[in-house]
Amino acid sequence: MTRPAPVPSAPAPPALVDLPLARASVDRAAELRALPGALDDARADPRTRVLAVRDGGLLLDDDAHVRWLDPAGAAALLAAGREGAAGAAPAPEPDDAWLLLGAEDDGTRVLAARLPDAHPLPAGGEPADVLVHLPDGPVARSGWRSLRVVGALLDAHDAGLATTAVALDAWHDRHPRCPRCGAPTRTAQAGWSRVCDVDGSEHYPRTDPAVIMAVVDADDRLLLGHAAAWPAGRWSTLAGFVEAGEAAEQAVRREVHEETGVVVGEVEYEGSQPWPFPASLMLGFRGRATTTDVRVDGVEMADARWFTRAVLAAAVDAGDVVLPGGASIARALIEQWYGGPLPG
């Protein structure tokens, strides 16, 4: 008896590559961090390039170009920031204010200057103007923009450095004290660790793994959710943190079932990128649903639906669905499934 020829399966979508915040191209130069005076030497070199960072945002010339400063210009900006922070949290001490991000191919060192979060960045991505007083030229007007908003617009060089700077800045902001004894800590390793002089412990930046998944059914419909805390019209792929003692694939299945009641079978890894708001590493997956009935709790997840490509495109065009921003891995997963860019 002749066996029937196997039915070819649909080709797998390409893995996610060149994600907006995963395009680091500059040497992190870890070997420089432990050198005595590494930050002081870099600050004394006028060729050193400095990126200003605060509250998850960057100082930009426009939406797509970092406003690079020399050490003197960055120091002046830091001094102005301390003066303007009256009534807010005190500005960091100098050792906390400078971070070594890496070194260019020609040896030029790259630093980040951490400004105090005296005024939170505007919601919605609007620029917050600031006057930058440069010692060797006229006053230049630049603007603070959130990395969430501009991450996809920056080139690979600037995006990689900006992501590292925002991640380190967030870690220092949230971990000023020793987790073992509660004593204040000081920075070391050119900003890449914090040391407790009471118990002698040293602590390093931590990253929290989170899963984010494009779940499809047998008809290749995509499952999207609308969280209760989101504004009307915003929809995205499901996501959640990996719990203690849990594999990432297990987290995919658990989160989808908890949030929507849908059971996921096969899970495939697609790619990852950092999401330093404040400290996540987003692990992107594609999951195959074995059930399609949707049941949300109405508390964390307000709604969840299956979308065909035609229905999603029409909803986006009509303004009924607002998709995640271009810097997010959620947007990449959705467009990977869709087969190309979507507006918005």
Protein backbone atom coordinates (compact mmCIF):
# COMPACT_ATOMS: atom_id res chain seq x y z
CA MET A 1 0.00 0.00 0.00
CA THR A 2 1.41 3.35 -1.02
CA ARG A 3 1.68 5.91 1.73
CA PRO A 4 0.25 9.33 0.96
CA ALA A 5 2.81 12.04 0.44
CA PRO A 6 3.29 14.22 3.52
CA VAL A 7 1.64 17.60 3.43
CA PRO A 8 4.35 20.24 3.63
CA SER A 9 4.02 22.57 6.57
CA ALA A 10 4.09 26.32 6.20
CA PRO A 11 7.62 27.70 6.24
CA ALA A 12 8.71 28.97 9.61
CA PRO A 13 9.04 32.75 9.86
CA PRO A 14 12.58 34.06 10.09
CA ALA A 15 14.07 34.41 13.55
CA LEU A 16 14.05 37.90 15.01
CA VAL A 17 17.33 39.64 14.24
CA ASP A 18 18.53 43.23 14.62
CA LEU A 19 15.94 44.05 17.23
CA PRO A 20 16.08 47.79 18.02
CA LEU A 21 17.62 47.54 21.50
CA ALA A 22 19.78 44.49 20.73
CA ARG A 23 22.11 46.09 18.19
CA ALA A 24 25.14 46.86 20.37
CA SER A 25 28.23 47.33 18.22
CA VAL A 26 30.74 49.04 20.55
CA ASP A 27 33.27 47.05 22.59
CA ARG A 28 32.21 47.13 26.24
CA ALA A 29 35.92 47.16 27.19
CA ALA A 30 35.35 45.22 30.41
CA GLU A 31 39.10 45.01 30.92
CA LEU A 32 39.21 48.77 31.60
CA ARG A 33 36.67 48.76 34.43
CA ALA A 34 39.00 47.52 37.16
CA LEU A 35 41.91 49.79 36.22
CA PRO A 36 42.67 52.40 38.90
CA GLY A 37 41.43 55.80 37.81
CA ALA A 38 39.66 54.47 34.71
CA LEU A 39 36.87 57.04 34.93
CA ASP A 40 39.17 59.90 35.90
CA ASP A 41 41.45 59.16 32.95
CA ALA A 42 38.51 59.07 30.57
CA ARG A 43 37.09 62.32 31.92
CA ALA A 44 40.49 64.01 31.54
CA ASP A 45 40.69 63.09 27.85
CA PRO A 46 38.88 65.66 25.65
CA ARG A 47 38.40 63.00 22.96
CA THR A 48 36.12 60.99 25.27
CA ARG A 49 32.50 60.99 24.16
CA VAL A 50 29.72 61.30 26.75
CA LEU A 51 26.04 60.36 26.52
CA ALA A 52 23.72 62.12 28.98
CA VAL A 53 21.01 59.94 30.53
CA ARG A 54 18.21 60.37 33.06
CA ASP A 55 14.87 58.76 33.89
CA GLY A 56 15.04 56.28 31.00
CA GLY A 57 15.73 59.07 28.52
CA LEU A 58 18.58 60.45 26.44
CA LEU A 59 19.74 63.88 25.39
CA LEU A 60 19.20 64.07 21.62
CA ASP A 61 19.77 66.61 18.88
CA ASP A 62 16.66 65.27 17.18
CA ASP A 63 14.66 62.06 17.17
CA ALA A 64 17.44 60.00 15.63
CA HIS A 65 20.76 61.43 16.83
CA VAL A 66 22.34 61.40 20.27
CA ARG A 67 23.70 64.73 21.47
CA TRP A 68 27.27 63.64 22.17
CA LEU A 69 29.15 65.77 24.69
CA ASP A 70 32.78 66.07 25.64
CA PRO A 71 33.68 65.58 29.33
CA ALA A 72 33.70 69.32 30.03
CA GLY A 73 30.26 69.80 28.50
CA ALA A 74 28.88 66.82 30.40
CA ALA A 75 30.36 68.10 33.67
CA ALA A 76 28.70 71.48 33.10
CA LEU A 77 25.38 69.77 32.43
CA LEU A 78 25.73 67.71 35.61
CA ALA A 79 26.49 70.84 37.63
CA ALA A 80 23.45 72.59 36.18
CA GLY A 81 21.34 69.55 36.98
CA ARG A 82 22.37 69.60 40.62
CA GLU A 83 21.51 73.28 40.88
CA GLY A 84 18.10 72.71 39.29
CA ALA A 85 17.11 69.82 41.52
CA ALA A 86 16.02 71.83 44.54
CA GLY A 87 13.29 70.05 46.44
CA ALA A 88 13.86 66.79 44.54
CA ALA A 89 16.12 63.85 45.24
CA PRO A 90 19.73 65.01 45.57
CA ALA A 91 21.95 64.59 42.54
CA PRO A 92 24.36 61.66 42.58
CA GLU A 93 27.84 62.13 43.91
CA PRO A 94 30.46 62.35 41.15
CA ASP A 95 31.43 58.67 41.45
CA ASP A 96 27.81 57.71 40.83
CA ALA A 97 27.33 60.18 38.03
CA TRP A 98 29.79 58.69 35.52
CA LEU A 99 29.68 55.24 33.91
CA LEU A 100 32.10 53.60 31.49
CA LEU A 101 30.11 52.25 28.55
CA GLY A 102 32.99 51.01 26.40
CA ALA A 103 35.61 52.02 23.85
CA GLU A 104 35.47 52.70 20.12
CA ASP A 105 37.70 50.85 17.66
CA ASP A 106 40.22 53.72 17.77
CA GLY A 107 40.40 53.58 21.58
CA THR A 108 38.12 56.55 22.23
CA ARG A 109 36.31 55.89 25.48
CA VAL A 110 32.57 56.32 25.82
CA LEU A 111 30.94 57.39 29.09
CA ALA A 112 27.46 58.05 30.35
CA ALA A 113 26.66 61.03 32.58
CA ARG A 114 23.74 60.38 34.93
CA LEU A 115 21.59 63.42 35.60
CA PRO A 116 19.16 63.60 38.52
CA ASP A 117 15.53 62.81 37.79
CA ALA A 118 14.36 66.21 38.99
CA HIS A 119 11.59 66.33 36.41
CA PRO A 120 10.13 63.11 34.95
CA LEU A 121 10.10 62.89 31.18
CA PRO A 122 6.76 63.81 29.59
CA ALA A 123 4.35 60.97 28.90
CA GLY A 124 3.73 60.00 25.31
CA GLY A 125 7.27 60.64 24.12
CA GLU A 126 7.18 64.42 23.76
CA PRO A 127 10.63 66.02 23.90
CA ALA A 128 11.61 67.89 27.04
CA ASP A 129 13.81 70.80 25.98
CA VAL A 130 16.99 71.67 27.81
CA LEU A 131 19.69 74.26 27.21
CA VAL A 132 23.13 72.71 26.98
CA HIS A 133 25.99 75.06 27.77
CA LEU A 134 29.06 73.87 25.88
CA PRO A 135 32.39 75.36 26.95
CA ASP A 136 33.69 75.64 23.39
CA GLY A 137 30.68 77.05 21.60
CA PRO A 138 27.27 78.69 21.79
CA VAL A 139 24.35 77.35 23.73
CA ALA A 140 22.69 74.50 21.84
CA ARG A 141 19.09 73.42 22.31
CA SER A 142 18.60 69.71 22.67
CA GLY A 143 15.78 67.56 23.96
CA TRP A 144 15.29 64.64 26.31
CA ARG A 145 13.48 61.72 24.71
CA SER A 146 12.57 58.35 26.17
CA LEU A 147 14.52 55.38 24.83
CA ARG A 148 11.18 53.57 24.55
CA VAL A 149 10.12 56.11 21.92
CA VAL A 150 13.33 56.65 19.94
CA GLY A 151 15.08 53.29 20.29
CA ALA A 152 14.02 52.11 16.84
CA LEU A 153 15.09 55.40 15.24
CA LEU A 154 18.69 55.38 16.48
CA ASP A 155 21.45 53.71 14.52
CA ALA A 156 22.98 50.50 15.88
CA HIS A 157 25.96 52.33 17.41
CA ASP A 158 23.89 54.80 19.42
CA ALA A 159 21.09 52.36 20.25
CA GLY A 160 23.48 49.88 21.84
CA LEU A 161 25.23 52.48 23.97
CA ALA A 162 21.96 54.16 24.95
CA THR A 163 20.42 50.86 26.04
CA THR A 164 23.41 50.07 28.23
CA ALA A 165 23.39 53.56 29.74
CA VAL A 166 19.66 53.48 30.54
CA ALA A 167 19.97 50.00 32.07
CA LEU A 168 22.89 50.96 34.31
CA ASP A 169 21.26 54.24 35.31
CA ALA A 170 18.08 52.41 36.36
CA TRP A 171 20.07 49.86 38.35
CA HIS A 172 22.01 52.52 40.28
CA ASP A 173 18.79 54.44 40.98
CA ARG A 174 17.09 51.39 42.48
CA HIS A 175 19.96 49.79 44.36
CA PRO A 176 21.74 52.43 46.46
CA ARG A 177 21.92 50.12 49.50
CA CYS A 178 23.36 46.72 50.27
CA PRO A 179 20.73 43.97 49.89
CA ARG A 180 22.45 41.99 52.66
CA CYS A 181 22.75 44.55 55.46
CA GLY A 182 21.02 47.71 54.22
CA ALA A 183 24.08 49.95 54.42
CA PRO A 184 24.74 52.52 51.68
CA THR A 185 27.00 51.26 48.90
CA ARG A 186 29.55 52.97 46.68
CA THR A 187 30.18 52.42 43.01
CA ALA A 188 33.15 50.44 41.72
CA GLN A 189 34.31 48.89 38.47
CA ALA A 190 33.75 52.20 36.63
CA GLY A 191 30.05 52.03 37.43
CA TRP A 192 29.55 48.30 36.85
CA SER A 193 29.28 47.24 40.50
CA ARG A 194 28.43 48.56 43.96
CA VAL A 195 30.45 47.72 47.06
CA CYS A 196 29.29 47.61 50.67
CA ASP A 197 32.06 48.72 53.03
CA VAL A 198 30.17 47.33 56.04
CA ASP A 199 30.00 43.64 55.10
CA GLY A 200 32.45 43.67 52.18
CA SER A 201 29.96 42.38 49.61
CA GLU A 202 30.00 43.46 45.96
CA HIS A 203 26.87 43.61 43.83
CA TYR A 204 26.38 43.68 40.07
CA PRO A 205 23.59 44.80 37.72
CA ARG A 206 20.79 42.27 37.53
CA THR A 207 18.46 41.51 34.65
CA ASP A 208 15.00 39.99 35.08
CA PRO A 209 14.05 37.47 32.37
CA ALA A 210 10.58 37.90 30.92
CA VAL A 211 8.83 35.98 28.16
CA ILE A 212 6.80 37.57 25.39
CA MET A 213 4.98 35.42 22.87
CA ALA A 214 3.16 35.45 19.58
CA VAL A 215 0.56 32.73 20.09
CA VAL A 216 -1.17 31.41 16.97
CA ASP A 217 -3.92 28.84 16.48
CA ALA A 218 -4.44 26.17 13.81
CA ASP A 219 -5.83 28.84 11.46
CA ASP A 220 -2.75 31.04 12.02
CA ARG A 221 -4.75 33.67 13.89
CA LEU A 222 -2.75 35.74 16.39
CA LEU A 223 -3.76 36.11 20.04
CA LEU A 224 -3.49 39.68 21.35
CA GLY A 225 -4.43 41.04 24.74
CA HIS A 226 -5.62 44.35 26.16
CA ALA A 227 -4.42 44.88 29.74
CA ALA A 228 -6.78 46.53 32.19
CA ALA A 229 -4.26 49.28 32.93
CA TRP A 230 -3.79 50.27 29.28
CA PRO A 231 -5.59 53.09 27.47
CA ALA A 232 -8.44 52.16 25.17
CA GLY A 233 -7.35 50.61 21.89
CA ARG A 234 -3.91 49.40 22.92
CA TRP A 235 -3.28 45.73 22.13
CA SER A 236 -0.15 43.62 22.30
CA THR A 237 1.23 40.12 22.52
CA LEU A 238 1.07 38.46 25.93
CA ALA A 239 4.07 38.65 28.25
CA GLY A 240 5.16 37.98 31.82
CA PHE A 241 8.13 37.40 34.09
CA VAL A 242 9.81 34.03 34.46
CA GLU A 243 9.17 32.81 38.00
CA ALA A 244 11.69 31.23 40.37
CA GLY A 245 12.59 27.68 39.36
CA GLU A 246 10.81 28.01 36.01
CA ALA A 247 12.08 27.46 32.47
CA ALA A 248 11.25 30.10 29.89
CA GLU A 249 9.13 27.67 27.86
CA GLN A 250 7.14 26.81 30.97
CA ALA A 251 6.61 30.51 31.64
CA VAL A 252 5.16 30.97 28.14
CA ARG A 253 2.54 28.29 28.70
CA ARG A 254 1.73 29.42 32.25
CA GLU A 255 1.35 33.11 31.42
CA VAL A 256 -0.87 32.50 28.40
CA HIS A 257 -3.14 30.16 30.35
CA GLU A 258 -3.30 32.45 33.40
CA GLU A 259 -4.15 35.53 31.35
CA THR A 260 -6.46 34.07 28.69
CA GLY A 261 -7.29 30.46 29.54
CA VAL A 262 -5.72 29.34 26.24
CA VAL A 263 -3.53 26.21 26.34
CA VAL A 264 -0.24 26.37 24.44
CA GLY A 265 1.57 23.30 23.16
CA GLU A 266 4.64 23.73 20.94
CA VAL A 267 6.89 26.66 21.82
CA GLU A 268 9.75 28.01 19.69
CA TYR A 269 12.34 30.61 20.69
CA GLU A 270 12.61 33.55 18.26
CA GLY A 271 15.04 36.06 19.76
CA SER A 272 15.66 38.45 22.64
CA GLN A 273 16.43 42.03 23.48
CA PRO A 274 17.03 44.03 26.66
CA TRP A 275 14.17 46.21 27.89
CA PRO A 276 15.76 48.46 30.53
CA PHE A 277 12.54 49.83 32.03
CA PRO A 278 13.86 49.10 34.50
CA ALA A 279 15.69 45.77 34.09
CA SER A 280 14.09 43.17 31.83
CA LEU A 281 15.49 40.84 29.21
CA MET A 282 12.63 40.04 26.85
CA LEU A 283 12.75 36.49 25.52
CA GLY A 284 10.61 36.27 22.39
CA PHE A 285 8.72 33.07 21.58
CA ARG A 286 6.20 31.74 19.09
CA GLY A 287 3.62 29.40 20.59
CA ARG A 288 1.02 27.06 19.07
CA ALA A 289 -2.34 27.06 20.83
CA THR A 290 -4.12 23.75 21.33
CA THR A 291 -7.33 25.45 22.49
CA THR A 292 -8.97 28.67 21.35
CA ASP A 293 -11.60 29.54 23.96
CA VAL A 294 -10.61 32.83 25.61
CA ARG A 295 -11.32 33.57 29.26
CA VAL A 296 -9.82 36.67 30.89
CA ASP A 297 -9.92 37.56 34.58
CA GLY A 298 -11.06 41.14 33.98
CA VAL A 299 -8.55 42.37 36.55
CA GLU A 300 -5.09 42.17 34.99
CA MET A 301 -6.25 41.33 31.47
CA ALA A 302 -9.40 43.14 30.34
CA ASP A 303 -9.78 41.49 26.95
CA ALA A 304 -8.06 39.07 24.58
CA ARG A 305 -8.96 38.20 21.01
CA TRP A 306 -7.85 36.18 18.01
CA PHE A 307 -6.95 38.31 14.96
CA THR A 308 -6.58 37.34 11.34
CA ARG A 309 -4.16 39.41 9.29
CA ALA A 310 -6.99 41.14 7.45
CA VAL A 311 -8.90 41.97 10.63
CA LEU A 312 -5.81 43.33 12.40
CA ALA A 313 -4.74 45.46 9.43
CA ALA A 314 -8.22 46.93 9.11
CA ALA A 315 -8.42 47.67 12.85
CA VAL A 316 -5.03 49.39 12.79
CA ASP A 317 -5.97 51.45 9.73
CA ALA A 318 -9.22 52.50 11.40
CA GLY A 319 -7.45 53.51 14.61
CA ASP A 320 -9.33 50.92 16.64
CA VAL A 321 -6.12 49.05 17.51
CA VAL A 322 -2.92 50.75 18.66
CA LEU A 323 0.09 48.44 18.42
CA PRO A 324 3.24 48.51 20.58
CA GLY A 325 5.99 50.97 19.67
CA GLY A 326 8.72 50.22 17.17
CA ALA A 327 11.40 49.70 19.82
CA SER A 328 9.56 46.78 21.41
CA ILE A 329 10.01 43.09 20.68
CA ALA A 330 6.20 42.84 20.78
CA ARG A 331 6.01 44.93 17.60
CA ALA A 332 8.63 42.71 15.95
CA LEU A 333 6.73 39.54 16.87
CA ILE A 334 3.46 40.94 15.50
CA GLU A 335 5.04 42.06 12.24
CA GLN A 336 6.91 38.76 11.92
CA TRP A 337 3.55 36.98 12.02
CA TYR A 338 1.90 39.54 9.75
CA GLY A 339 4.66 39.24 7.16
CA GLY A 340 5.69 42.88 6.98
CA PRO A 341 5.40 46.33 8.55
CA LEU A 342 2.13 47.60 9.96
CA PRO A 343 1.26 51.30 10.24
CA GLY A 344 1.28 53.15 13.51
